[in-house]
């Protein structure tokens, strides 16, 4: 089992399923757009972006602990935040779509329809009326970090989907210095990015020479 699969297998199932539901809602699989020439077809789940998001949250974010910034695993408390938001969302009667995910039983966020999951994100980011005391650290009674995290998981889902990350294949969950491209990134194809080029000739302007005489100067085109 390569490192990516081993790490994914070690993540608690409720955390894994919650993030899978999150990225599915943000960048869904669009089968109707799978004809040649269409921009989007595969979604974030097909690219494994939920694994990327879990990895980022557990390894690359730091919080102040005492006098020092410390890397703190945040995937589990963030999954708890999303599920708590889903419970409050339904309790307020905001859910609009009845056709949720039957596989999300016991996981409030995953059980919602994808469009309602997006509404949960908006509610968490915009509402200052929610009781944040039941949340685990670092979100407990801290609306600022809740808002930051909702913005972060939105941006990082897009970054994971459209960057080169899915093409790292079996090395995708290694440290960045050990990742290797194993194919052409599908997100690059979707946005028509041709890929990295080592350099090419381009007209950057004319070379000019400055001549100084008698305290003055003049520009002479070469």
N, C-alpha and C. Protein backbone atom coordinates (compact mmCIF):
# COMPACT_ATOMS: atom_id res chain seq x y z
N UNK A 1 0.85 -1.19 0.00
CA UNK A 1 0.00 0.00 0.00
C UNK A 1 0.89 1.24 0.00
N UNK A 2 0.71 2.14 -0.99
CA UNK A 2 1.56 3.32 -1.03
C UNK A 2 1.10 4.32 0.02
N UNK A 3 1.93 5.35 0.27
CA UNK A 3 1.70 6.25 1.38
C UNK A 3 0.34 6.94 1.30
N UNK A 4 -0.07 7.33 0.10
CA UNK A 4 -1.35 8.03 -0.04
C UNK A 4 -2.50 7.17 0.46
N UNK A 5 -2.53 5.91 0.03
CA UNK A 5 -3.61 5.02 0.43
C UNK A 5 -3.53 4.71 1.92
N UNK A 6 -2.32 4.53 2.44
CA UNK A 6 -2.15 4.22 3.86
C UNK A 6 -2.63 5.36 4.73
N UNK A 7 -2.30 6.58 4.35
CA UNK A 7 -2.74 7.72 5.15
C UNK A 7 -4.26 7.86 5.10
N UNK A 8 -4.84 7.72 3.92
CA UNK A 8 -6.29 7.83 3.78
C UNK A 8 -6.99 6.76 4.61
N UNK A 9 -6.41 5.56 4.66
CA UNK A 9 -7.03 4.47 5.41
C UNK A 9 -6.98 4.72 6.91
N UNK A 10 -6.01 5.54 7.36
CA UNK A 10 -5.85 5.81 8.79
C UNK A 10 -6.76 6.92 9.28
N UNK A 11 -7.35 7.68 8.37
CA UNK A 11 -8.24 8.78 8.76
C UNK A 11 -9.55 8.20 9.29
N UNK A 12 -10.07 8.71 10.41
CA UNK A 12 -11.36 8.22 10.92
C UNK A 12 -12.45 8.32 9.85
N UNK A 13 -13.28 7.30 9.70
CA UNK A 13 -14.28 7.28 8.63
C UNK A 13 -15.20 8.49 8.61
N UNK A 14 -15.62 8.98 9.79
CA UNK A 14 -16.54 10.12 9.80
C UNK A 14 -15.86 11.38 9.27
N UNK A 15 -14.55 11.51 9.54
CA UNK A 15 -13.81 12.66 9.00
C UNK A 15 -13.66 12.52 7.49
N UNK A 16 -13.28 11.33 7.04
CA UNK A 16 -13.07 11.09 5.61
C UNK A 16 -14.34 11.35 4.82
N UNK A 17 -15.47 10.81 5.28
CA UNK A 17 -16.74 10.95 4.55
C UNK A 17 -17.21 12.40 4.56
N UNK A 18 -16.98 13.11 5.65
CA UNK A 18 -17.39 14.52 5.72
C UNK A 18 -16.64 15.35 4.70
N UNK A 19 -15.34 15.13 4.56
CA UNK A 19 -14.57 15.91 3.58
C UNK A 19 -14.87 15.47 2.16
N UNK A 20 -15.17 14.21 1.97
CA UNK A 20 -15.59 13.75 0.65
C UNK A 20 -16.88 14.48 0.25
N UNK A 21 -17.82 14.61 1.20
CA UNK A 21 -19.08 15.31 0.92
C UNK A 21 -18.84 16.79 0.66
N UNK A 22 -17.85 17.36 1.36
CA UNK A 22 -17.54 18.78 1.17
C UNK A 22 -17.05 19.06 -0.25
N UNK A 23 -16.02 18.33 -0.69
CA UNK A 23 -15.46 18.62 -2.01
C UNK A 23 -16.43 18.24 -3.12
N UNK A 24 -17.27 17.23 -2.87
CA UNK A 24 -18.29 16.85 -3.85
C UNK A 24 -19.26 18.00 -4.09
N UNK A 25 -19.59 18.74 -3.02
CA UNK A 25 -20.52 19.85 -3.15
C UNK A 25 -19.88 21.05 -3.84
N UNK A 26 -18.59 21.28 -3.58
CA UNK A 26 -17.92 22.46 -4.15
C UNK A 26 -17.61 22.26 -5.63
N UNK A 27 -17.07 21.11 -5.99
CA UNK A 27 -16.76 20.80 -7.40
C UNK A 27 -17.35 19.43 -7.72
N UNK A 28 -18.61 19.38 -8.14
CA UNK A 28 -19.27 18.09 -8.37
C UNK A 28 -18.85 17.44 -9.68
N UNK A 29 -19.10 16.16 -9.76
CA UNK A 29 -18.94 15.44 -11.03
C UNK A 29 -20.09 15.84 -11.94
N UNK A 30 -19.77 16.32 -13.13
CA UNK A 30 -20.80 16.80 -14.06
C UNK A 30 -20.84 15.89 -15.27
N UNK A 31 -21.58 14.81 -15.17
CA UNK A 31 -21.65 13.84 -16.26
C UNK A 31 -22.23 14.45 -17.52
N UNK A 32 -23.10 15.45 -17.37
CA UNK A 32 -23.73 16.07 -18.54
C UNK A 32 -22.73 16.87 -19.36
N UNK A 33 -21.55 17.15 -18.79
CA UNK A 33 -20.56 17.96 -19.49
C UNK A 33 -19.34 17.12 -19.87
N UNK A 34 -19.54 15.84 -20.11
CA UNK A 34 -18.40 14.97 -20.37
C UNK A 34 -18.14 14.77 -21.86
N UNK A 35 -18.86 15.50 -22.72
CA UNK A 35 -18.61 15.39 -24.16
C UNK A 35 -17.27 16.02 -24.50
N UNK A 36 -16.62 15.57 -25.58
CA UNK A 36 -15.34 16.16 -25.97
C UNK A 36 -15.46 17.66 -26.17
N UNK A 37 -14.51 18.39 -25.59
CA UNK A 37 -14.51 19.84 -25.72
C UNK A 37 -15.11 20.56 -24.55
N UNK A 38 -15.87 19.86 -23.70
CA UNK A 38 -16.43 20.50 -22.53
C UNK A 38 -15.33 20.69 -21.49
N UNK A 39 -15.50 21.73 -20.66
CA UNK A 39 -14.47 22.09 -19.70
C UNK A 39 -14.45 21.14 -18.51
N UNK A 40 -15.60 20.85 -17.95
CA UNK A 40 -15.66 20.10 -16.70
C UNK A 40 -16.31 18.74 -16.91
N UNK A 41 -15.80 17.73 -16.27
CA UNK A 41 -16.47 16.43 -16.22
C UNK A 41 -16.19 15.80 -14.86
N UNK A 42 -14.96 15.35 -14.64
CA UNK A 42 -14.62 14.78 -13.34
C UNK A 42 -14.69 15.85 -12.27
N UNK A 43 -15.12 15.45 -11.09
CA UNK A 43 -15.21 16.37 -9.97
C UNK A 43 -14.06 16.18 -8.99
N UNK A 44 -14.14 16.91 -7.88
CA UNK A 44 -13.06 16.87 -6.89
C UNK A 44 -12.92 15.49 -6.25
N UNK A 45 -14.02 14.77 -6.09
CA UNK A 45 -13.94 13.43 -5.51
C UNK A 45 -13.14 12.50 -6.42
N UNK A 46 -13.40 12.59 -7.73
CA UNK A 46 -12.69 11.73 -8.68
C UNK A 46 -11.18 12.02 -8.67
N UNK A 47 -10.80 13.24 -8.34
CA UNK A 47 -9.39 13.60 -8.27
C UNK A 47 -8.80 13.36 -6.88
N UNK A 48 -9.60 12.90 -5.93
CA UNK A 48 -9.10 12.64 -4.58
C UNK A 48 -8.79 13.89 -3.79
N UNK A 49 -9.47 15.00 -4.09
CA UNK A 49 -9.16 16.27 -3.44
C UNK A 49 -9.51 16.24 -1.95
N UNK A 50 -10.46 15.40 -1.56
CA UNK A 50 -10.77 15.28 -0.13
C UNK A 50 -9.55 14.79 0.65
N UNK A 51 -8.74 13.91 0.05
CA UNK A 51 -7.52 13.45 0.70
C UNK A 51 -6.51 14.59 0.80
N UNK A 52 -6.43 15.40 -0.25
CA UNK A 52 -5.55 16.56 -0.23
C UNK A 52 -5.93 17.51 0.89
N UNK A 53 -7.23 17.78 1.03
CA UNK A 53 -7.70 18.73 2.03
C UNK A 53 -7.41 18.21 3.44
N UNK A 54 -7.64 16.92 3.67
CA UNK A 54 -7.34 16.34 4.98
C UNK A 54 -5.85 16.44 5.29
N UNK A 55 -5.03 16.13 4.29
CA UNK A 55 -3.58 16.21 4.47
C UNK A 55 -3.14 17.63 4.80
N UNK A 56 -3.65 18.60 4.06
CA UNK A 56 -3.29 19.99 4.31
C UNK A 56 -3.67 20.41 5.73
N UNK A 57 -4.87 20.08 6.14
CA UNK A 57 -5.34 20.48 7.46
C UNK A 57 -4.54 19.82 8.58
N UNK A 58 -4.05 18.62 8.34
CA UNK A 58 -3.32 17.90 9.39
C UNK A 58 -1.83 18.21 9.43
N UNK A 59 -1.30 18.84 8.37
CA UNK A 59 0.15 19.02 8.30
C UNK A 59 0.62 20.45 8.08
N UNK A 60 -0.19 21.28 7.47
CA UNK A 60 0.34 22.56 6.98
C UNK A 60 -0.29 23.80 7.58
N UNK A 61 -1.07 23.67 8.64
CA UNK A 61 -1.60 24.84 9.33
C UNK A 61 -1.07 24.87 10.75
N UNK A 62 -0.74 26.06 11.22
CA UNK A 62 -0.18 26.21 12.57
C UNK A 62 -1.03 27.16 13.40
N UNK A 63 -1.07 26.90 14.70
CA UNK A 63 -1.77 27.75 15.65
C UNK A 63 -0.79 28.17 16.75
N UNK A 64 -1.07 29.34 17.34
CA UNK A 64 -0.25 29.77 18.46
C UNK A 64 -0.57 28.92 19.67
N UNK A 65 0.45 28.29 20.23
CA UNK A 65 0.33 27.57 21.48
C UNK A 65 1.40 28.11 22.42
N UNK A 66 0.96 28.92 23.37
CA UNK A 66 1.92 29.64 24.20
C UNK A 66 2.61 30.70 23.37
N UNK A 67 3.93 30.60 23.28
CA UNK A 67 4.70 31.59 22.53
C UNK A 67 5.12 31.08 21.15
N UNK A 68 4.65 29.91 20.76
CA UNK A 68 5.15 29.30 19.54
C UNK A 68 4.02 28.91 18.60
N UNK A 69 4.31 29.02 17.30
CA UNK A 69 3.40 28.47 16.29
C UNK A 69 3.64 26.97 16.20
N UNK A 70 2.57 26.21 16.30
CA UNK A 70 2.67 24.76 16.32
C UNK A 70 1.72 24.16 15.30
N UNK A 71 2.22 23.21 14.51
CA UNK A 71 1.35 22.51 13.56
C UNK A 71 0.38 21.63 14.34
N UNK A 72 -0.91 21.85 14.12
CA UNK A 72 -1.96 21.14 14.85
C UNK A 72 -2.86 20.43 13.85
N UNK A 73 -3.08 19.12 13.98
CA UNK A 73 -4.01 18.42 13.08
C UNK A 73 -5.42 18.99 13.22
N UNK A 74 -5.99 19.45 12.12
CA UNK A 74 -7.28 20.14 12.17
C UNK A 74 -8.38 19.46 11.37
N UNK A 75 -8.10 18.31 10.76
CA UNK A 75 -9.15 17.70 9.94
C UNK A 75 -10.32 17.22 10.80
N UNK A 76 -10.04 16.57 11.93
CA UNK A 76 -11.11 16.04 12.78
C UNK A 76 -11.97 17.15 13.37
N UNK A 77 -11.38 18.21 13.99
CA UNK A 77 -12.24 19.28 14.50
C UNK A 77 -12.97 20.04 13.40
N UNK A 78 -12.38 20.12 12.21
CA UNK A 78 -13.07 20.80 11.11
C UNK A 78 -14.25 19.98 10.62
N UNK A 79 -14.10 18.66 10.58
CA UNK A 79 -15.24 17.80 10.25
C UNK A 79 -16.34 17.97 11.28
N UNK A 80 -15.96 18.08 12.56
CA UNK A 80 -16.95 18.30 13.62
C UNK A 80 -17.65 19.64 13.43
N UNK A 81 -16.91 20.66 13.00
CA UNK A 81 -17.50 21.96 12.71
C UNK A 81 -18.55 21.86 11.62
N UNK A 82 -18.24 21.16 10.55
CA UNK A 82 -19.19 21.03 9.44
C UNK A 82 -20.44 20.25 9.86
N UNK A 83 -20.25 19.20 10.64
CA UNK A 83 -21.40 18.42 11.08
C UNK A 83 -22.26 19.20 12.08
N UNK A 84 -21.62 19.97 12.95
CA UNK A 84 -22.38 20.82 13.87
C UNK A 84 -23.16 21.87 13.09
N UNK A 85 -22.52 22.46 12.09
CA UNK A 85 -23.22 23.44 11.26
C UNK A 85 -24.43 22.83 10.57
N UNK A 86 -24.29 21.59 10.10
CA UNK A 86 -25.41 20.92 9.43
C UNK A 86 -26.57 20.68 10.39
N UNK A 87 -26.26 20.30 11.63
CA UNK A 87 -27.32 20.09 12.63
C UNK A 87 -28.07 21.39 12.90
N UNK A 88 -27.32 22.49 13.09
CA UNK A 88 -27.96 23.78 13.35
C UNK A 88 -28.75 24.25 12.14
N UNK A 89 -28.22 24.00 10.97
CA UNK A 89 -28.88 24.39 9.72
C UNK A 89 -30.25 23.73 9.62
N UNK A 90 -30.32 22.44 9.90
CA UNK A 90 -31.59 21.72 9.82
C UNK A 90 -32.52 22.12 10.96
N UNK A 91 -31.96 22.36 12.15
CA UNK A 91 -32.79 22.76 13.28
C UNK A 91 -33.49 24.09 13.03
N UNK A 92 -32.84 24.95 12.25
CA UNK A 92 -33.43 26.24 11.91
C UNK A 92 -34.39 26.14 10.73
N UNK A 93 -34.50 24.95 10.14
CA UNK A 93 -35.42 24.75 9.02
C UNK A 93 -34.94 25.34 7.72
N UNK A 94 -33.62 25.48 7.58
CA UNK A 94 -33.08 26.11 6.36
C UNK A 94 -32.91 25.13 5.21
N UNK A 95 -32.91 23.82 5.48
CA UNK A 95 -32.65 22.86 4.40
C UNK A 95 -33.78 22.92 3.37
N UNK A 96 -33.38 23.03 2.11
CA UNK A 96 -34.33 23.24 1.02
C UNK A 96 -34.48 22.03 0.11
N UNK A 97 -33.49 21.16 0.08
CA UNK A 97 -33.52 20.01 -0.81
C UNK A 97 -33.66 18.73 0.00
N UNK A 98 -34.65 17.93 -0.32
CA UNK A 98 -34.95 16.73 0.45
C UNK A 98 -34.13 15.52 0.02
N UNK A 99 -33.54 15.57 -1.16
CA UNK A 99 -32.86 14.39 -1.68
C UNK A 99 -31.39 14.44 -1.28
N UNK A 100 -31.12 13.98 -0.08
CA UNK A 100 -29.76 13.99 0.41
C UNK A 100 -29.01 12.74 0.04
N UNK A 101 -27.96 12.47 0.78
CA UNK A 101 -27.10 11.31 0.52
C UNK A 101 -27.47 10.20 1.49
N UNK A 102 -28.10 9.12 1.03
CA UNK A 102 -28.49 8.05 1.96
C UNK A 102 -27.31 7.39 2.64
N UNK A 103 -26.12 7.52 2.06
CA UNK A 103 -24.93 6.94 2.69
C UNK A 103 -24.37 7.79 3.80
N UNK A 104 -25.00 8.94 4.06
CA UNK A 104 -24.48 9.84 5.09
C UNK A 104 -25.17 9.68 6.42
N UNK A 105 -25.81 8.54 6.68
CA UNK A 105 -26.52 8.32 7.94
C UNK A 105 -25.56 8.48 9.12
N UNK A 106 -25.96 9.28 10.11
CA UNK A 106 -25.12 9.53 11.27
C UNK A 106 -24.09 10.61 11.03
N UNK A 107 -24.01 11.13 9.83
CA UNK A 107 -23.09 12.21 9.47
C UNK A 107 -23.92 13.35 8.90
N UNK A 108 -24.33 14.30 9.73
CA UNK A 108 -25.30 15.32 9.30
C UNK A 108 -24.90 16.07 8.04
N UNK A 109 -23.62 16.42 7.91
CA UNK A 109 -23.20 17.20 6.75
C UNK A 109 -23.30 16.37 5.48
N UNK A 110 -22.80 15.14 5.51
CA UNK A 110 -22.84 14.28 4.33
C UNK A 110 -24.26 13.89 3.97
N UNK A 111 -25.17 13.86 4.95
CA UNK A 111 -26.55 13.46 4.68
C UNK A 111 -27.33 14.53 3.92
N UNK A 112 -26.83 15.76 3.92
CA UNK A 112 -27.52 16.84 3.22
C UNK A 112 -27.31 16.74 1.71
N UNK A 113 -28.26 17.31 0.97
CA UNK A 113 -28.08 17.47 -0.47
C UNK A 113 -26.89 18.41 -0.70
N UNK A 114 -26.10 18.21 -1.76
CA UNK A 114 -24.94 19.07 -2.00
C UNK A 114 -25.24 20.56 -1.97
N UNK A 115 -26.38 20.98 -2.50
CA UNK A 115 -26.70 22.41 -2.49
C UNK A 115 -26.91 22.91 -1.06
N UNK A 116 -27.46 22.07 -0.19
CA UNK A 116 -27.62 22.46 1.21
C UNK A 116 -26.28 22.47 1.94
N UNK A 117 -25.34 21.64 1.52
CA UNK A 117 -24.01 21.69 2.14
C UNK A 117 -23.36 23.05 1.88
N UNK A 118 -23.55 23.56 0.67
CA UNK A 118 -23.01 24.89 0.36
C UNK A 118 -23.68 25.95 1.23
N UNK A 119 -24.97 25.79 1.48
CA UNK A 119 -25.69 26.74 2.33
C UNK A 119 -25.20 26.67 3.78
N UNK A 120 -24.80 25.48 4.22
CA UNK A 120 -24.22 25.35 5.55
C UNK A 120 -22.93 26.16 5.64
N UNK A 121 -22.09 26.07 4.62
CA UNK A 121 -20.84 26.85 4.61
C UNK A 121 -21.14 28.34 4.70
N UNK A 122 -22.13 28.79 3.93
CA UNK A 122 -22.49 30.21 3.96
C UNK A 122 -23.01 30.61 5.34
N UNK A 123 -23.81 29.75 5.96
CA UNK A 123 -24.34 30.06 7.29
C UNK A 123 -23.22 30.17 8.31
N UNK A 124 -22.27 29.24 8.28
CA UNK A 124 -21.17 29.28 9.23
C UNK A 124 -20.30 30.52 9.04
N UNK A 125 -20.14 30.93 7.81
CA UNK A 125 -19.28 32.07 7.52
C UNK A 125 -19.95 33.40 7.83
N UNK A 126 -21.26 33.48 7.66
CA UNK A 126 -21.95 34.76 7.74
C UNK A 126 -22.68 35.00 9.06
N UNK A 127 -23.00 33.94 9.77
CA UNK A 127 -23.85 34.09 10.95
C UNK A 127 -23.03 34.36 12.20
N UNK A 128 -23.44 35.36 12.98
CA UNK A 128 -22.83 35.60 14.27
C UNK A 128 -23.79 35.27 15.41
N UNK A 129 -24.85 34.51 15.08
CA UNK A 129 -25.86 34.15 16.07
C UNK A 129 -25.73 32.70 16.54
N UNK A 130 -24.86 31.92 15.93
CA UNK A 130 -24.71 30.52 16.33
C UNK A 130 -23.98 30.40 17.67
N UNK A 131 -24.39 29.42 18.45
CA UNK A 131 -23.70 29.11 19.70
C UNK A 131 -22.50 28.24 19.37
N UNK A 132 -21.31 28.80 19.54
CA UNK A 132 -20.09 28.07 19.19
C UNK A 132 -19.48 27.34 20.37
N UNK A 133 -20.11 27.40 21.52
CA UNK A 133 -19.55 26.75 22.72
C UNK A 133 -19.43 25.23 22.58
N UNK A 134 -20.36 24.54 21.89
CA UNK A 134 -20.24 23.07 21.78
C UNK A 134 -19.12 22.59 20.86
N UNK A 135 -18.51 23.49 20.10
CA UNK A 135 -17.49 23.08 19.13
C UNK A 135 -16.19 22.71 19.83
N UNK A 136 -15.40 21.83 19.20
CA UNK A 136 -14.08 21.50 19.75
C UNK A 136 -13.10 22.64 19.47
N UNK A 137 -12.00 22.72 20.23
CA UNK A 137 -10.95 23.68 19.89
C UNK A 137 -10.41 23.36 18.50
N UNK A 138 -9.98 24.35 17.74
CA UNK A 138 -9.84 25.77 18.09
C UNK A 138 -11.07 26.62 17.76
N UNK A 139 -12.18 25.99 17.42
CA UNK A 139 -13.36 26.73 16.96
C UNK A 139 -14.28 27.17 18.08
N UNK A 140 -14.11 26.61 19.26
CA UNK A 140 -15.01 26.91 20.36
C UNK A 140 -15.01 28.41 20.67
N UNK A 141 -16.17 29.02 20.54
CA UNK A 141 -16.37 30.45 20.86
C UNK A 141 -15.41 31.37 20.11
N UNK A 142 -15.02 30.98 18.92
CA UNK A 142 -14.10 31.81 18.13
C UNK A 142 -14.64 31.93 16.70
N UNK A 143 -15.51 32.92 16.48
CA UNK A 143 -16.12 33.10 15.17
C UNK A 143 -15.08 33.46 14.12
N UNK A 144 -14.03 34.16 14.54
CA UNK A 144 -13.00 34.57 13.58
C UNK A 144 -12.33 33.38 12.92
N UNK A 145 -11.94 32.39 13.71
CA UNK A 145 -11.26 31.24 13.12
C UNK A 145 -12.24 30.35 12.37
N UNK A 146 -13.52 30.35 12.79
CA UNK A 146 -14.54 29.62 12.02
C UNK A 146 -14.64 30.21 10.62
N UNK A 147 -14.73 31.53 10.54
CA UNK A 147 -14.84 32.19 9.24
C UNK A 147 -13.58 31.95 8.40
N UNK A 148 -12.43 32.02 9.05
CA UNK A 148 -11.19 31.78 8.31
C UNK A 148 -11.18 30.37 7.72
N UNK A 149 -11.61 29.39 8.51
CA UNK A 149 -11.54 28.01 8.04
C UNK A 149 -12.51 27.75 6.90
N UNK A 150 -13.71 28.34 6.95
CA UNK A 150 -14.66 28.16 5.85
C UNK A 150 -14.07 28.71 4.56
N UNK A 151 -13.43 29.87 4.65
CA UNK A 151 -12.77 30.44 3.47
C UNK A 151 -11.63 29.53 3.01
N UNK A 152 -10.86 29.02 3.96
CA UNK A 152 -9.71 28.18 3.63
C UNK A 152 -10.12 26.91 2.90
N UNK A 153 -11.13 26.20 3.42
CA UNK A 153 -11.49 24.93 2.79
C UNK A 153 -12.13 25.14 1.42
N UNK A 154 -12.77 26.29 1.22
CA UNK A 154 -13.26 26.61 -0.13
C UNK A 154 -12.11 26.80 -1.09
N UNK A 155 -11.14 27.63 -0.71
CA UNK A 155 -10.01 27.93 -1.59
C UNK A 155 -9.14 26.71 -1.82
N UNK A 156 -8.88 25.96 -0.76
CA UNK A 156 -7.99 24.81 -0.91
C UNK A 156 -8.61 23.70 -1.74
N UNK A 157 -9.93 23.58 -1.72
CA UNK A 157 -10.57 22.60 -2.60
C UNK A 157 -10.32 22.96 -4.06
N UNK A 158 -10.47 24.23 -4.39
CA UNK A 158 -10.21 24.68 -5.76
C UNK A 158 -8.74 24.50 -6.11
N UNK A 159 -7.87 24.84 -5.18
CA UNK A 159 -6.44 24.71 -5.44
C UNK A 159 -6.06 23.26 -5.68
N UNK A 160 -6.56 22.36 -4.82
CA UNK A 160 -6.24 20.95 -4.99
C UNK A 160 -6.75 20.39 -6.30
N UNK A 161 -7.91 20.88 -6.74
CA UNK A 161 -8.53 20.35 -7.96
C UNK A 161 -7.82 20.83 -9.22
N UNK A 162 -7.45 22.10 -9.26
CA UNK A 162 -6.93 22.68 -10.50
C UNK A 162 -5.41 22.80 -10.53
N UNK A 163 -4.74 22.42 -9.46
CA UNK A 163 -3.28 22.43 -9.46
C UNK A 163 -2.76 21.11 -10.00
N UNK A 164 -1.47 20.92 -9.88
CA UNK A 164 -0.86 19.67 -10.36
C UNK A 164 -1.02 18.53 -9.37
N UNK A 165 -1.60 18.78 -8.19
CA UNK A 165 -1.62 17.78 -7.12
C UNK A 165 -2.19 16.43 -7.54
N UNK A 166 -3.34 16.34 -8.24
CA UNK A 166 -3.86 15.01 -8.58
C UNK A 166 -2.90 14.16 -9.42
N UNK A 167 -2.02 14.82 -10.17
CA UNK A 167 -1.10 14.08 -11.05
C UNK A 167 0.12 13.55 -10.31
N UNK A 168 0.25 13.86 -9.02
CA UNK A 168 1.36 13.28 -8.26
C UNK A 168 1.12 11.81 -7.95
N UNK A 169 -0.10 11.34 -8.17
CA UNK A 169 -0.38 9.91 -8.06
C UNK A 169 -0.01 9.32 -6.72
N UNK A 170 0.81 8.28 -6.75
CA UNK A 170 1.17 7.56 -5.52
C UNK A 170 2.03 8.38 -4.58
N UNK A 171 2.57 9.51 -5.05
CA UNK A 171 3.40 10.37 -4.19
C UNK A 171 2.63 11.58 -3.68
N UNK A 172 1.34 11.66 -3.94
CA UNK A 172 0.60 12.90 -3.69
C UNK A 172 0.50 13.28 -2.21
N UNK A 173 0.63 12.31 -1.30
CA UNK A 173 0.55 12.61 0.12
C UNK A 173 1.91 12.50 0.81
N UNK A 174 2.97 12.55 0.01
CA UNK A 174 4.30 12.66 0.58
C UNK A 174 4.61 14.14 0.81
N UNK A 175 5.72 14.41 1.50
CA UNK A 175 6.12 15.80 1.68
C UNK A 175 6.42 16.38 0.30
N UNK A 176 6.24 17.69 0.11
CA UNK A 176 6.37 18.28 -1.23
C UNK A 176 7.67 17.95 -1.95
N UNK A 177 8.78 17.85 -1.22
CA UNK A 177 10.06 17.58 -1.88
C UNK A 177 10.15 16.16 -2.44
N UNK A 178 9.25 15.28 -2.03
CA UNK A 178 9.28 13.89 -2.50
C UNK A 178 8.17 13.58 -3.50
N UNK A 179 7.39 14.58 -3.87
CA UNK A 179 6.32 14.35 -4.84
C UNK A 179 6.88 14.39 -6.25
N UNK A 180 6.35 13.54 -7.11
CA UNK A 180 6.78 13.48 -8.50
C UNK A 180 5.56 13.38 -9.40
N UNK A 181 5.56 14.15 -10.48
CA UNK A 181 4.45 14.08 -11.43
C UNK A 181 4.46 12.71 -12.11
N UNK A 182 3.31 12.06 -12.11
CA UNK A 182 3.17 10.76 -12.76
C UNK A 182 2.26 10.83 -13.97
N UNK A 183 1.92 12.03 -14.38
CA UNK A 183 1.06 12.23 -15.54
C UNK A 183 0.77 13.71 -15.70
N UNK A 184 0.00 14.04 -16.71
CA UNK A 184 -0.35 15.45 -16.93
C UNK A 184 -1.56 15.79 -16.06
N UNK A 185 -1.48 16.86 -15.26
CA UNK A 185 -2.57 17.20 -14.35
C UNK A 185 -3.89 17.44 -15.09
N UNK A 186 -4.95 16.73 -14.73
CA UNK A 186 -6.23 16.91 -15.43
C UNK A 186 -6.81 18.30 -15.27
N UNK A 187 -6.55 18.94 -14.13
CA UNK A 187 -7.05 20.30 -13.95
C UNK A 187 -6.43 21.27 -14.93
N UNK A 188 -5.17 21.01 -15.30
CA UNK A 188 -4.52 21.86 -16.30
C UNK A 188 -5.21 21.73 -17.64
N UNK A 189 -5.62 20.52 -17.98
CA UNK A 189 -6.33 20.32 -19.24
C UNK A 189 -7.67 21.04 -19.23
N UNK A 190 -8.35 21.01 -18.08
CA UNK A 190 -9.66 21.64 -17.99
C UNK A 190 -9.59 23.14 -18.18
N UNK A 191 -8.53 23.76 -17.68
CA UNK A 191 -8.40 25.22 -17.81
C UNK A 191 -7.51 25.60 -18.99
N UNK A 192 -7.11 24.59 -19.79
CA UNK A 192 -6.31 24.80 -21.00
C UNK A 192 -4.94 25.42 -20.71
N UNK A 193 -4.36 25.00 -19.60
CA UNK A 193 -3.00 25.41 -19.27
C UNK A 193 -2.04 24.42 -19.90
N UNK A 194 -1.11 24.87 -20.74
CA UNK A 194 -0.27 23.93 -21.49
C UNK A 194 0.80 23.24 -20.67
N UNK A 195 1.01 23.69 -19.46
CA UNK A 195 2.04 23.08 -18.63
C UNK A 195 3.28 23.96 -18.51
N UNK A 196 4.19 23.52 -17.67
CA UNK A 196 5.40 24.29 -17.40
C UNK A 196 6.33 24.26 -18.61
N UNK A 197 6.90 25.40 -18.94
CA UNK A 197 7.89 25.48 -20.01
C UNK A 197 9.19 26.01 -19.42
N UNK A 198 10.34 25.52 -19.88
CA UNK A 198 11.61 25.93 -19.29
C UNK A 198 12.04 27.34 -19.70
N UNK A 199 11.37 27.92 -20.65
CA UNK A 199 11.75 29.25 -21.11
C UNK A 199 11.68 29.33 -22.63
N UNK A 200 11.46 30.50 -23.15
CA UNK A 200 11.37 30.65 -24.59
C UNK A 200 11.71 32.09 -24.94
N UNK A 201 12.08 32.29 -26.21
CA UNK A 201 12.45 33.63 -26.66
C UNK A 201 11.20 34.50 -26.74
N UNK A 202 11.33 35.72 -26.27
CA UNK A 202 10.22 36.67 -26.35
C UNK A 202 10.81 38.06 -26.45
N UNK A 203 10.13 38.94 -27.17
CA UNK A 203 10.59 40.32 -27.32
C UNK A 203 10.33 41.06 -26.02
N UNK A 204 11.39 41.49 -25.36
CA UNK A 204 11.27 42.18 -24.07
C UNK A 204 11.60 43.66 -24.18
N UNK A 205 11.67 44.18 -25.41
CA UNK A 205 12.01 45.59 -25.58
C UNK A 205 13.39 45.74 -26.19
N UNK A 206 13.75 46.97 -26.50
CA UNK A 206 15.05 47.26 -27.10
C UNK A 206 16.10 47.52 -26.02
N UNK A 207 17.33 47.08 -26.30
CA UNK A 207 18.45 47.36 -25.41
C UNK A 207 18.86 48.81 -25.61
N UNK A 208 18.96 49.56 -24.52
CA UNK A 208 19.32 50.97 -24.59
C UNK A 208 20.66 51.20 -23.92
N UNK A 209 21.39 52.17 -24.43
CA UNK A 209 22.67 52.56 -23.85
C UNK A 209 22.58 54.01 -23.39
N UNK A 210 23.00 54.28 -22.17
CA UNK A 210 22.99 55.64 -21.64
C UNK A 210 24.40 56.21 -21.74
N UNK A 211 24.55 57.33 -22.45
CA UNK A 211 25.84 58.00 -22.57
C UNK A 211 25.83 59.25 -21.71
N UNK A 212 26.86 59.40 -20.91
CA UNK A 212 26.97 60.55 -20.01
C UNK A 212 28.15 61.41 -20.45
N UNK A 213 27.89 62.70 -20.66
CA UNK A 213 28.93 63.63 -21.08
C UNK A 213 28.68 64.98 -20.42
N UNK A 214 29.73 65.50 -19.79
CA UNK A 214 29.64 66.84 -19.23
C UNK A 214 28.52 67.03 -18.23
N UNK A 215 28.27 66.06 -17.41
CA UNK A 215 27.22 66.19 -16.40
C UNK A 215 25.84 65.87 -16.92
N UNK A 216 25.71 65.66 -18.23
CA UNK A 216 24.41 65.31 -18.79
C UNK A 216 24.40 63.87 -19.27
N UNK A 217 23.26 63.41 -19.75
CA UNK A 217 23.17 62.04 -20.25
C UNK A 217 22.17 62.00 -21.39
N UNK A 218 22.36 61.03 -22.25
CA UNK A 218 21.43 60.81 -23.35
C UNK A 218 21.29 59.31 -23.58
N UNK A 219 20.11 58.91 -24.07
CA UNK A 219 19.84 57.50 -24.33
C UNK A 219 20.04 57.23 -25.81
N UNK A 220 20.87 56.24 -26.11
CA UNK A 220 21.16 55.87 -27.48
C UNK A 220 20.63 54.46 -27.71
N UNK A 221 19.74 54.30 -28.69
CA UNK A 221 19.21 52.97 -28.99
C UNK A 221 20.29 52.11 -29.63
N UNK A 222 20.43 50.89 -29.13
CA UNK A 222 21.47 49.99 -29.66
C UNK A 222 21.02 49.37 -30.97
